[in-house]
Each structure stands twice: as C-alpha cells, then as structure tokens.
Amino acid sequence: MIWHPAKTKDTAALVYWLNWRVLLCGIWISFAVVIASYLIWKYEGSNSSRPDRVRVKSQELYEDEGWRPCFKDLHPAWLMAFRIIGFVVLLALLVANAIVDGGRTFYFYTQWTFALVIIYFGLGFVISVDGCYKYRNRVVSVHVEALDAERGNYIAPRRHAENVNGSNAMNSSVLNEQHSDRKHAGMLVYAFQIIFQMSAGAVMLTNVVFWFVMVPILTIKDYKLKPMVVSMHSIDAVFFLVDVALNSMGFSWFRISYFILLSATYVIFHWVIHACVSLWWPYPFLDVSSSYAPLWYILLSSATLLN
C-alpha cells in the first residue's frame, strides 16, 4: 500500500499511551462523537415523541426515492443495471486488492470506504429490483385503465389524465400516480439513505486527502503510484457520483452524523488494535506519539464535522 513506515515505538507498551497527546486526541474524537450522537437523537431518536418537530426540520423520505431516477423519462431499470455493474466492478477490485496485499489492506480507511460503497450499490440494486417490479405493475394498471376508458367501461380517477393516448400519456399517468400516492419509506430505504450519506462523506474525505495531501507528499519523495492504488482512490468516486446524478435521493444534512461515527470508529479501531499488538500506523497522522498528533486529530475532527 502507500504507507509502510518502520516500527519505531512499541505501541502495545503502556507508556506509549500515557501522555497528554493521547488525552487531547481522545477529547477531540469524543467531542465529534457526542455532536454526531446528539444530532441523530435530535432528528431521529425523538421521532415518536416529537413527530411534528422532526417532520419540519428533516426531509421527508419516500419509498420510491430509493429506486426512482431523477429524470422522468428514464426507466428505473437503467438505474438498476448501473447499480449491479457498480457492485460487481467495485467488489472485484476490492477482492483483487485483498489478494495482492492480504488482510492488512483493511487497515486503511480507503478500503473501509470502498466496502461501504459496495454495500451501497448492493443494497441499491435490491431496492431497484423491487422498484422495477412496482413500476411495472403501475404501468400495467394504467394500461388496463386506459383500455377500459376507451371502451367506455371505466371512468378514470381524477389523478389520471382524462384522455390517455399512446405511451407518452401512459408514462405521464404512471408518474402522476407515483407522486400523488407516494408511501413513506420503510426501514430498508432509510438504511439505504444513511449508507448513501455515509458514503458521500467517506468518498469525499478519502479522495480529497489522497489527491491533495498524500499525492503531493509522495510526489516529492519520488514515489510511483501503482495502478491499483490509483484505481482504489478514483473508481469508487466515479461510480458513486454517477449514481448521485441519476438517483432521486434527498440529502438530509443531519445524517452526515453517521459518517462522523464511522470515522471515529475507524480511529478507535486502530487505537484498540495498536494497544494490543505493536503495529505500524497506516497513516502517519494517526500516530499519537507524534508532537503534531493533536493538531492532526483536530483537523480530522473538523473535516468530518464540516462534511
């Protein structure tokens, strides 16, 4: 991978953790976790007790937002096809990277982000399959109603067009039905949106840090980037941004708190692992023995909160 420094200190030694830098870094990470947890409790944990307040401050999420494209003329099957392609390509790349570098590849935040985007595309594909099935049933229903209306055996409801002629009118009726009789999202779609916004923050943070911080440093040191490394820091962003351009998912800013919790979990994961086993740090700014560690952790916490 990118960073393979030699072990200079025993991270499993108690003395390594008994210093003011660890305390200060812990305070900053705890601060980010508390803020994120409070936002989640405020907007989602209090739904049952204060539904009106939550409904005003957070965006309503509907069932069809998980599978309906933002373009009216685009069939949901196209979004479904793109998601399965993204899932297969990204999963194949992650497996190939794991085979080359072994299990240690998952020490890096990049692989966590990559795995999260894979889960996003996999779950999105499942939701899109269900959405295509519902869309097909609506099209058939509108078609039958149109035939009955032409034969004089059926009076179409007000929400449908009075005269339905041709495929364009049929598609218009389907869209009208979708918007006039929309169901609120279930737990699966809510989980999908949470992963969507976690992925958005993680992809942004990973690629910005890599291309604007790590690459300039590595370029100065004449480090040649391998094709695998470049792919792991670009393809996930490309697929994710295309999906963002195609889907109709809303973006409730408070759910970025889940991304903050993900980043904090990554840091705590490494602290626990390094406290038990003496290992090299995957990123130099995670090393709490450095004099600049508090500054790095402050910047990390600020970056996640700003995302």
Protein backbone atom coordinates (compact mmCIF):
# COMPACT_ATOMS: atom_id res chain seq x y z
CA MET A 1 0.00 0.00 0.00
CA ILE A 2 1.00 3.65 0.30
CA TRP A 3 2.50 3.92 3.76
CA HIS A 4 4.85 1.35 5.28
CA PRO A 5 6.94 3.10 7.95
CA ALA A 6 9.23 1.09 10.14
CA LYS A 7 8.12 0.42 13.67
CA THR A 8 9.94 2.93 15.85
CA LYS A 9 7.94 2.57 19.05
CA ASP A 10 6.17 -0.24 20.83
CA THR A 11 2.51 0.76 20.55
CA ALA A 12 1.50 -2.09 22.86
CA ALA A 13 3.53 -0.62 25.73
CA LEU A 14 1.57 1.21 28.40
CA VAL A 15 4.00 4.13 28.40
CA TYR A 16 3.14 4.81 24.76
CA TRP A 17 -0.44 5.76 25.73
CA LEU A 18 0.27 7.59 29.00
CA ASN A 19 0.85 11.09 27.65
CA TRP A 20 -1.06 14.35 27.22
CA ARG A 21 -1.31 13.96 23.43
CA VAL A 22 -3.45 10.84 23.73
CA LEU A 23 -5.75 12.62 26.18
CA LEU A 24 -6.16 15.63 23.91
CA CYS A 25 -6.78 13.46 20.83
CA GLY A 26 -9.33 11.44 22.77
CA ILE A 27 -11.14 14.62 23.82
CA TRP A 28 -11.45 15.75 20.21
CA ILE A 29 -12.68 12.39 18.97
CA SER A 30 -15.15 12.21 21.87
CA PHE A 31 -16.37 15.71 21.04
CA ALA A 32 -17.12 14.69 17.43
CA VAL A 33 -18.92 11.53 18.60
CA VAL A 34 -21.04 13.46 21.10
CA ILE A 35 -22.07 16.06 18.49
CA ALA A 36 -22.95 13.35 15.96
CA SER A 37 -24.88 11.30 18.51
CA TYR A 38 -26.82 14.36 19.64
CA LEU A 39 -27.85 15.23 16.07
CA ILE A 40 -29.01 11.66 15.44
CA TRP A 41 -31.01 11.64 18.68
CA LYS A 42 -32.48 15.07 17.97
CA TYR A 43 -33.73 14.31 14.46
CA GLU A 44 -34.31 10.56 14.52
CA GLY A 45 -34.32 9.29 18.07
CA SER A 46 -37.15 11.63 19.03
CA ASN A 47 -39.45 10.74 16.13
CA SER A 48 -42.02 9.01 18.29
CA SER A 49 -42.24 11.74 20.91
CA ARG A 50 -41.93 14.82 18.70
CA PRO A 51 -43.02 13.89 15.17
CA ASP A 52 -44.10 17.38 14.17
CA ARG A 53 -40.75 18.91 15.07
CA VAL A 54 -38.85 16.23 13.23
CA ARG A 55 -41.08 16.47 10.19
CA VAL A 56 -40.40 20.20 9.91
CA LYS A 57 -36.64 20.02 10.38
CA SER A 58 -35.80 16.87 8.46
CA GLN A 59 -36.71 15.99 4.93
CA GLU A 60 -39.49 13.51 4.30
CA LEU A 61 -38.23 10.29 2.75
CA TYR A 62 -40.46 8.33 0.39
CA GLU A 63 -40.25 4.73 -0.68
CA ASP A 64 -39.71 5.44 -4.37
CA GLU A 65 -36.71 7.69 -3.73
CA GLY A 66 -34.58 4.59 -3.36
CA TRP A 67 -35.21 3.36 -6.92
CA ARG A 68 -36.77 6.19 -8.97
CA PRO A 69 -34.35 8.07 -11.28
CA CYS A 70 -34.36 11.86 -11.10
CA PHE A 71 -35.07 12.02 -14.85
CA LYS A 72 -38.76 11.43 -15.60
CA ASP A 73 -38.14 9.77 -18.97
CA LEU A 74 -35.53 7.36 -17.62
CA HIS A 75 -36.81 3.89 -16.82
CA PRO A 76 -35.85 2.62 -13.32
CA ALA A 77 -34.27 -0.44 -14.96
CA TRP A 78 -31.38 1.73 -16.16
CA LEU A 79 -30.55 2.75 -12.61
CA MET A 80 -30.88 -0.87 -11.51
CA ALA A 81 -28.49 -2.02 -14.25
CA PHE A 82 -25.95 0.66 -13.34
CA ARG A 83 -26.04 -0.34 -9.70
CA ILE A 84 -25.38 -4.02 -10.36
CA ILE A 85 -22.49 -3.07 -12.67
CA GLY A 86 -21.06 -0.81 -9.98
CA PHE A 87 -21.46 -3.52 -7.35
CA VAL A 88 -19.67 -6.16 -9.45
CA VAL A 89 -16.82 -3.89 -10.61
CA LEU A 90 -16.09 -2.45 -7.16
CA LEU A 91 -16.34 -5.83 -5.43
CA ALA A 92 -13.97 -7.39 -7.97
CA LEU A 93 -11.48 -4.56 -7.44
CA LEU A 94 -11.63 -4.87 -3.65
CA VAL A 95 -11.16 -8.66 -3.80
CA ALA A 96 -8.21 -8.25 -6.17
CA ASN A 97 -6.64 -5.71 -3.85
CA ALA A 98 -7.16 -8.03 -0.86
CA ILE A 99 -5.49 -10.87 -2.75
CA VAL A 100 -2.47 -8.70 -3.61
CA ASP A 101 -1.98 -7.06 -0.19
CA GLY A 102 -3.68 -9.55 2.11
CA GLY A 103 -5.80 -8.74 5.13
CA ARG A 104 -3.62 -5.77 6.07
CA THR A 105 -5.27 -3.78 3.29
CA PHE A 106 -8.26 -3.29 5.60
CA TYR A 107 -6.09 -1.26 7.97
CA PHE A 108 -6.64 1.62 5.56
CA TYR A 109 -9.63 3.94 5.59
CA THR A 110 -9.77 3.69 1.81
CA GLN A 111 -10.83 0.05 2.00
CA TRP A 112 -13.47 0.88 4.60
CA THR A 113 -14.85 3.50 2.24
CA PHE A 114 -14.66 1.11 -0.69
CA ALA A 115 -16.51 -1.62 1.21
CA LEU A 116 -19.18 0.89 2.27
CA VAL A 117 -19.77 1.98 -1.34
CA ILE A 118 -20.03 -1.69 -2.36
CA ILE A 119 -22.71 -2.21 0.29
CA TYR A 120 -24.46 0.90 -1.02
CA PHE A 121 -24.58 -0.43 -4.58
CA GLY A 122 -25.61 -3.92 -3.46
CA LEU A 123 -28.47 -2.62 -1.33
CA GLY A 124 -29.39 -0.13 -4.04
CA PHE A 125 -29.66 -2.94 -6.56
CA VAL A 126 -32.04 -4.88 -4.28
CA ILE A 127 -34.20 -1.78 -3.80
CA SER A 128 -34.14 -1.07 -7.54
CA VAL A 129 -35.31 -4.62 -8.35
CA ASP A 130 -38.27 -4.14 -6.04
CA GLY A 131 -38.88 -0.69 -7.52
CA CYS A 132 -38.88 -2.00 -11.10
CA TYR A 133 -41.44 -4.63 -10.10
CA LYS A 134 -43.70 -1.95 -8.60
CA TYR A 135 -43.17 0.34 -11.59
CA ARG A 136 -44.13 -2.47 -13.97
CA ASN A 137 -47.32 -3.16 -12.03
CA ARG A 138 -48.26 0.50 -12.20
CA VAL A 139 -47.66 0.62 -15.95
CA VAL A 140 -49.85 -2.46 -16.47
CA SER A 141 -52.53 -0.95 -14.23
CA VAL A 142 -52.54 2.32 -16.17
CA HIS A 143 -52.66 0.42 -19.46
CA VAL A 144 -55.68 -1.60 -18.34
CA GLU A 145 -57.45 1.51 -17.08
CA ALA A 146 -56.74 3.24 -20.40
CA LEU A 147 -58.27 0.35 -22.39
CA ASP A 148 -61.34 0.34 -20.15
CA ALA A 149 -61.71 4.07 -20.56
CA GLU A 150 -61.57 3.77 -24.35
CA ARG A 151 -64.27 1.10 -24.29
CA GLY A 152 -66.49 3.17 -22.06
CA ASN A 153 -66.40 0.61 -19.23
CA TYR A 154 -64.30 2.57 -16.84
CA ILE A 155 -64.11 6.13 -15.53
CA ALA A 156 -60.56 7.03 -14.69
CA PRO A 157 -59.84 8.57 -11.26
CA ARG A 158 -59.10 12.28 -11.06
CA ARG A 159 -55.45 11.68 -10.52
CA HIS A 160 -55.14 10.21 -14.02
CA ALA A 161 -55.39 12.07 -17.28
CA GLU A 162 -58.88 12.23 -18.76
CA ASN A 163 -57.66 11.00 -22.11
CA VAL A 164 -54.83 8.53 -22.21
CA ASN A 165 -53.46 8.06 -25.68
CA GLY A 166 -50.12 6.47 -26.53
CA SER A 167 -47.09 5.62 -24.49
CA ASN A 168 -46.26 9.23 -23.51
CA ALA A 169 -49.64 9.72 -21.87
CA MET A 170 -49.31 6.35 -20.13
CA ASN A 171 -45.92 7.26 -18.69
CA SER A 172 -47.34 10.59 -17.55
CA SER A 173 -50.15 8.80 -15.74
CA VAL A 174 -47.68 6.48 -14.02
CA LEU A 175 -45.62 9.44 -12.84
CA ASN A 176 -48.74 11.23 -11.60
CA GLU A 177 -49.73 8.15 -9.65
CA GLN A 178 -46.27 7.84 -8.13
CA HIS A 179 -46.33 11.41 -6.89
CA SER A 180 -49.96 11.50 -5.75
CA ASP A 181 -49.91 8.17 -3.90
CA ARG A 182 -46.38 8.01 -2.51
CA LYS A 183 -45.67 5.88 0.54
CA HIS A 184 -43.30 6.87 3.28
CA ALA A 185 -40.03 4.95 3.26
CA GLY A 186 -39.59 1.80 5.29
CA MET A 187 -36.55 0.79 7.32
CA LEU A 188 -34.69 -0.57 4.28
CA VAL A 189 -34.87 2.71 2.36
CA TYR A 190 -33.97 4.67 5.49
CA ALA A 191 -30.91 2.43 5.95
CA PHE A 192 -30.10 2.98 2.27
CA GLN A 193 -30.16 6.76 2.67
CA ILE A 194 -27.98 6.55 5.78
CA ILE A 195 -25.40 4.49 3.85
CA PHE A 196 -25.77 6.93 0.95
CA GLN A 197 -24.79 9.88 3.11
CA MET A 198 -22.08 7.97 4.95
CA SER A 199 -20.59 7.04 1.57
CA ALA A 200 -20.80 10.64 0.36
CA GLY A 201 -18.73 11.91 3.28
CA ALA A 202 -16.29 8.98 3.23
CA VAL A 203 -15.68 9.16 -0.53
CA MET A 204 -15.13 12.91 -0.37
CA LEU A 205 -12.75 12.70 2.60
CA THR A 206 -10.78 9.76 1.19
CA ASN A 207 -10.24 11.20 -2.27
CA VAL A 208 -9.56 14.76 -1.14
CA VAL A 209 -6.95 13.64 1.41
CA PHE A 210 -5.33 11.26 -1.08
CA TRP A 211 -5.16 13.54 -4.13
CA PHE A 212 -4.49 16.85 -2.36
CA VAL A 213 -2.42 15.73 0.66
CA MET A 214 -0.88 12.29 0.14
CA VAL A 215 -0.07 12.51 -3.59
CA PRO A 216 1.91 15.78 -3.33
CA ILE A 217 3.92 14.30 -0.43
CA LEU A 218 4.57 11.07 -2.32
CA THR A 219 5.48 13.01 -5.47
CA ILE A 220 8.16 14.93 -3.57
CA LYS A 221 9.57 11.60 -2.36
CA ASP A 222 9.56 10.24 -5.96
CA TYR A 223 7.05 7.55 -5.06
CA LYS A 224 5.48 5.96 -8.13
CA LEU A 225 1.76 5.35 -7.75
CA LYS A 226 0.66 1.87 -8.70
CA PRO A 227 -2.39 1.42 -10.96
CA MET A 228 -4.17 -0.47 -8.17
CA VAL A 229 -3.66 2.42 -5.74
CA VAL A 230 -4.95 4.96 -8.26
CA SER A 231 -7.98 2.77 -9.02
CA MET A 232 -8.85 2.38 -5.33
CA HIS A 233 -8.85 6.17 -4.98
CA SER A 234 -10.88 7.06 -8.05
CA ILE A 235 -13.25 4.37 -9.37
CA ASP A 236 -15.46 4.35 -6.29
CA ALA A 237 -15.86 8.13 -6.54
CA VAL A 238 -16.73 7.92 -10.25
CA PHE A 239 -19.40 5.26 -9.76
CA PHE A 240 -20.82 6.99 -6.70
CA LEU A 241 -21.03 10.41 -8.37
CA VAL A 242 -22.80 8.93 -11.41
CA ASP A 243 -25.33 7.25 -9.11
CA VAL A 244 -25.83 10.57 -7.31
CA ALA A 245 -26.54 12.22 -10.67
CA LEU A 246 -29.09 9.52 -11.57
CA ASN A 247 -30.96 8.81 -8.33
CA SER A 248 -33.61 10.93 -6.63
CA MET A 249 -32.37 10.53 -3.07
CA GLY A 250 -32.71 13.54 -0.84
CA PHE A 251 -29.83 14.73 1.32
CA SER A 252 -30.70 15.35 4.96
CA TRP A 253 -27.60 17.00 6.34
CA PHE A 254 -28.02 15.70 9.88
CA ARG A 255 -27.48 12.12 8.65
CA ILE A 256 -23.88 13.02 7.86
CA SER A 257 -23.52 12.32 11.58
CA TYR A 258 -23.37 8.63 10.72
CA PHE A 259 -20.27 9.35 8.65
CA ILE A 260 -18.70 11.09 11.65
CA LEU A 261 -19.38 7.99 13.73
CA LEU A 262 -17.82 5.84 11.00
CA SER A 263 -14.63 7.91 11.02
CA ALA A 264 -14.48 7.87 14.82
CA THR A 265 -14.98 4.10 14.79
CA TYR A 266 -12.03 3.75 12.41
CA VAL A 267 -9.78 5.75 14.74
CA ILE A 268 -10.91 3.87 17.86
CA PHE A 269 -10.47 0.56 16.00
CA HIS A 270 -6.80 1.39 15.38
CA TRP A 271 -6.27 2.55 18.92
CA VAL A 272 -7.57 -0.75 20.27
CA ILE A 273 -5.57 -2.85 17.77
CA HIS A 274 -2.34 -0.93 18.39
CA ALA A 275 -2.82 -1.05 22.16
CA CYS A 276 -3.00 -4.85 21.96
CA VAL A 277 -0.37 -5.50 19.27
CA SER A 278 2.60 -3.41 18.25
CA LEU A 279 1.94 -2.43 14.62
CA TRP A 280 2.86 0.25 12.13
CA TRP A 281 0.32 3.02 11.64
CA PRO A 282 -1.44 3.03 8.23
CA TYR A 283 -1.39 6.84 8.21
CA PRO A 284 1.29 8.98 9.91
CA PHE A 285 -1.28 11.37 11.38
CA LEU A 286 -2.82 8.53 13.43
CA ASP A 287 0.39 8.05 15.40
CA VAL A 288 -0.37 9.60 18.80
CA SER A 289 3.32 9.66 19.73
CA SER A 290 3.93 12.47 17.25
CA SER A 291 4.18 16.01 18.60
CA TYR A 292 1.75 17.09 15.89
CA ALA A 293 -0.81 14.38 16.71
CA PRO A 294 -3.28 16.75 18.49
CA LEU A 295 -3.21 19.11 15.50
CA TRP A 296 -3.84 16.24 13.09
CA TYR A 297 -6.76 14.97 15.16
CA ILE A 298 -8.24 18.45 15.43
CA LEU A 299 -8.07 18.78 11.65
CA LEU A 300 -9.56 15.29 11.23
CA SER A 301 -12.45 16.08 13.57
CA SER A 302 -13.05 19.42 11.85
CA ALA A 303 -13.02 17.83 8.40
CA THR A 304 -15.59 15.21 9.37
CA LEU A 305 -17.83 17.80 11.03
CA LEU A 306 -17.62 20.10 8.00
CA ASN A 307 -18.57 17.23 5.68
